[in-house]
Amino acid sequence: MDAKLRILSERLLRKSFEELSERDRRVLRHVAEHGTVARDLSQPESDLGARIADRVAAFGGSWAFIGIFALVLLGWVALNTVVLVTAIDPYPFVFLNLILSMLAAVQAPVIMMSQNRQAEKDRLAAAHDYEVNLKAEIEIMRLHEKLDELRMVALEGRFAALEARLDAIAAAVGADQGATGGAT
């Protein structure tokens, strides 16, 4: 198997097997074994904290969150300025500011965790895409080689047939000259 990998590496990638990265070697092994490289990267996350971070980030970045947040703020301001005789949080709404600061302090790291996880997923997807594309490119090169070989065999067959016809024509011309040369 190692010899086959070395031959494929030098013939198709024009590099020695030792010069290849581990990822390229893995793809070349899949090519040699006629195996698949593609795999499903959309497996559900098993980490509860990561799933919560994704959901918080998804909700925190939605129009629904903005709408609900605006309604809560307007409700709080209306409650403390118009509805209640003695406001729980009178203007300038210090308690509301404290709650908003705490919400931002918690929400920002959670969104960052979700973005970091998404960036890692994107890196894995890009690496996977590279492997799939490399394998496809190698397989296309192999198909081109096979087509070239078939074309060469067909051309050699046609040349052999043409040579046989030329030999037959030469023999017929030689026979005609011998027949006419002897009659004169």
Protein backbone atom coordinates (compact mmCIF):
# COMPACT_ATOMS: atom_id res chain seq x y z
CA MET A 1 0.00 0.00 0.00
CA ASP A 2 2.83 2.42 0.82
CA ALA A 3 4.34 1.98 -2.63
CA LYS A 4 0.98 2.70 -4.23
CA LEU A 5 0.61 5.85 -2.11
CA ARG A 6 4.08 7.03 -3.05
CA ILE A 7 3.38 6.46 -6.75
CA LEU A 8 0.04 8.30 -6.54
CA SER A 9 1.64 11.15 -4.64
CA GLU A 10 4.44 11.65 -7.12
CA ARG A 11 2.33 11.06 -10.22
CA LEU A 12 -0.75 13.08 -9.32
CA LEU A 13 0.39 15.65 -6.77
CA ARG A 14 3.98 15.91 -8.02
CA LYS A 15 5.28 15.72 -4.45
CA SER A 16 6.92 12.96 -2.51
CA PHE A 17 4.69 11.29 0.06
CA GLU A 18 6.84 12.70 2.87
CA GLU A 19 6.27 16.28 1.66
CA LEU A 20 2.49 15.96 1.98
CA SER A 21 0.61 17.26 5.00
CA GLU A 22 -1.19 14.73 7.18
CA ARG A 23 -4.51 15.86 5.72
CA ASP A 24 -3.24 15.32 2.14
CA ARG A 25 -1.90 11.89 3.10
CA ARG A 26 -5.29 10.97 4.55
CA VAL A 27 -7.02 12.02 1.31
CA LEU A 28 -4.51 10.07 -0.75
CA ARG A 29 -5.18 6.97 1.38
CA HIS A 30 -8.91 7.37 0.67
CA VAL A 31 -8.13 7.64 -3.05
CA ALA A 32 -5.95 4.52 -2.97
CA GLU A 33 -8.60 2.56 -1.05
CA HIS A 34 -11.43 3.97 -3.20
CA GLY A 35 -13.03 5.22 0.01
CA THR A 36 -15.15 8.27 0.65
CA VAL A 37 -13.96 11.45 2.31
CA ALA A 38 -17.35 13.12 2.72
CA ARG A 39 -18.93 12.94 6.12
CA ASP A 40 -21.82 14.62 7.91
CA LEU A 41 -20.60 17.58 9.95
CA SER A 42 -24.03 18.57 11.24
CA GLN A 43 -24.07 16.33 14.29
CA PRO A 44 -26.05 17.71 17.23
CA GLU A 45 -23.99 19.23 20.00
CA SER A 46 -23.88 17.14 23.17
CA ASP A 47 -22.61 19.92 25.47
CA LEU A 48 -25.57 21.54 27.26
CA GLY A 49 -23.73 24.84 27.79
CA ALA A 50 -22.89 25.08 24.10
CA ARG A 51 -26.49 24.42 23.09
CA ILE A 52 -27.72 27.06 25.54
CA ALA A 53 -25.15 29.55 24.22
CA ASP A 54 -26.32 28.89 20.65
CA ARG A 55 -29.97 29.38 21.58
CA VAL A 56 -29.29 32.55 23.57
CA ALA A 57 -27.24 33.95 20.68
CA ALA A 58 -29.92 32.98 18.16
CA PHE A 59 -32.67 34.61 20.22
CA GLY A 60 -30.53 37.61 21.25
CA GLY A 61 -29.84 38.38 17.60
CA SER A 62 -33.42 38.18 16.40
CA TRP A 63 -36.15 40.71 15.69
CA ALA A 64 -38.32 38.94 18.25
CA PHE A 65 -35.78 39.77 20.96
CA ILE A 66 -35.61 43.41 19.85
CA GLY A 67 -39.40 43.66 19.85
CA ILE A 68 -39.83 42.02 23.26
CA PHE A 69 -36.96 44.09 24.66
CA ALA A 70 -38.52 47.34 23.37
CA LEU A 71 -41.91 46.39 24.83
CA VAL A 72 -40.36 45.58 28.23
CA LEU A 73 -38.47 48.89 28.26
CA LEU A 74 -41.54 50.88 27.26
CA GLY A 75 -43.63 48.98 29.83
CA TRP A 76 -41.07 49.66 32.57
CA VAL A 77 -40.90 53.36 31.74
CA ALA A 78 -44.70 53.65 31.51
CA LEU A 79 -45.18 51.74 34.76
CA ASN A 80 -42.74 53.93 36.65
CA THR A 81 -43.81 57.27 35.21
CA VAL A 82 -47.57 57.06 34.57
CA VAL A 83 -49.19 54.04 36.21
CA LEU A 84 -47.67 53.83 39.69
CA VAL A 85 -48.25 56.66 42.15
CA THR A 86 -44.99 55.90 43.95
CA ALA A 87 -42.57 54.56 41.33
CA ILE A 88 -40.42 51.52 42.11
CA ASP A 89 -37.69 52.93 39.87
CA PRO A 90 -38.25 56.66 39.37
CA TYR A 91 -36.67 58.65 36.57
CA PRO A 92 -33.64 58.37 35.64
CA PHE A 93 -34.41 54.63 36.05
CA VAL A 94 -31.25 53.56 37.89
CA PHE A 95 -32.55 50.06 38.61
CA LEU A 96 -33.46 49.60 34.92
CA ASN A 97 -29.92 50.66 33.98
CA LEU A 98 -28.52 48.11 36.46
CA ILE A 99 -30.68 45.34 34.97
CA LEU A 100 -29.68 46.32 31.41
CA SER A 101 -25.99 46.37 32.35
CA MET A 102 -26.27 42.94 33.96
CA LEU A 103 -28.10 41.60 30.90
CA ALA A 104 -25.37 42.95 28.61
CA ALA A 105 -22.65 41.58 30.91
CA VAL A 106 -24.14 38.08 30.71
CA GLN A 107 -25.33 38.15 27.13
CA ALA A 108 -22.04 39.35 25.56
CA PRO A 109 -19.88 36.40 26.71
CA VAL A 110 -22.62 33.92 25.83
CA ILE A 111 -22.82 35.35 22.31
CA MET A 112 -19.01 35.25 22.07
CA MET A 113 -19.03 31.58 23.10
CA SER A 114 -21.56 30.85 20.38
CA GLN A 115 -19.53 32.79 17.80
CA ASN A 116 -16.36 30.92 18.78
CA ARG A 117 -18.16 27.60 18.40
CA GLN A 118 -19.52 28.67 15.03
CA ALA A 119 -16.04 29.74 13.93
CA GLU A 120 -14.71 26.31 14.94
CA LYS A 121 -17.51 24.63 12.99
CA ASP A 122 -16.65 26.82 9.99
CA ARG A 123 -12.96 25.84 10.26
CA LEU A 124 -13.91 22.15 10.36
CA ALA A 125 -16.25 22.60 7.40
CA ALA A 126 -13.53 24.42 5.42
CA ALA A 127 -11.00 21.66 6.18
CA HIS A 128 -13.56 19.04 5.16
CA ASP A 129 -14.35 20.94 1.95
CA TYR A 130 -10.63 21.05 1.16
CA GLU A 131 -10.32 17.28 1.61
CA VAL A 132 -13.38 16.57 -0.54
CA ASN A 133 -12.19 18.97 -3.24
CA LEU A 134 -8.67 17.50 -3.20
CA LYS A 135 -10.02 13.97 -3.53
CA ALA A 136 -12.30 15.04 -6.37
CA GLU A 137 -9.39 16.74 -8.11
CA ILE A 138 -7.18 13.66 -7.73
CA GLU A 139 -9.95 11.39 -9.01
CA ILE A 140 -10.46 13.68 -12.01
CA MET A 141 -6.71 13.52 -12.72
CA ARG A 142 -6.88 9.72 -12.54
CA LEU A 143 -9.83 9.69 -14.93
CA HIS A 144 -7.91 11.91 -17.34
CA GLU A 145 -4.99 9.48 -17.20
CA LYS A 146 -7.31 6.56 -17.91
CA LEU A 147 -8.92 8.41 -20.81
CA ASP A 148 -5.49 9.29 -22.20
CA GLU A 149 -4.48 5.62 -21.95
CA LEU A 150 -7.67 4.54 -23.74
CA ARG A 151 -7.13 7.18 -26.40
CA MET A 152 -3.53 6.03 -26.86
CA VAL A 153 -4.58 2.39 -27.20
CA ALA A 154 -7.23 3.40 -29.74
CA LEU A 155 -4.68 5.47 -31.68
CA GLU A 156 -2.16 2.62 -31.65
CA GLY A 157 -4.87 0.31 -32.97
CA ARG A 158 -5.74 2.75 -35.74
CA PHE A 159 -2.07 3.19 -36.65
CA ALA A 160 -1.64 -0.58 -36.77
CA ALA A 161 -4.70 -0.85 -39.03
CA LEU A 162 -3.37 1.93 -41.26
CA GLU A 163 0.04 0.25 -41.46
CA ALA A 164 -1.64 -3.02 -42.42
CA ARG A 165 -3.63 -1.24 -45.13
CA LEU A 166 -0.49 0.54 -46.38
CA ASP A 167 1.34 -2.79 -46.46
CA ALA A 168 -1.58 -4.32 -48.34
CA ILE A 169 -1.60 -1.41 -50.81
CA ALA A 170 2.17 -1.65 -51.25
CA ALA A 171 1.87 -5.38 -51.81
CA ALA A 172 -0.94 -4.87 -54.32
CA VAL A 173 1.02 -2.17 -56.15
CA GLY A 174 4.09 -4.40 -56.18
CA ALA A 175 2.04 -7.29 -57.52
CA ASP A 176 0.53 -5.06 -60.23
CA GLN A 177 3.98 -3.82 -61.27
CA GLY A 178 5.29 -7.36 -61.37
CA ALA A 179 2.34 -8.45 -63.50
CA THR A 180 2.61 -5.55 -65.93
CA GLY A 181 6.40 -5.57 -66.01
CA GLY A 182 6.50 -9.17 -67.06
CA ALA A 183 3.90 -8.65 -69.82
CA THR A 184 5.78 -5.94 -71.69
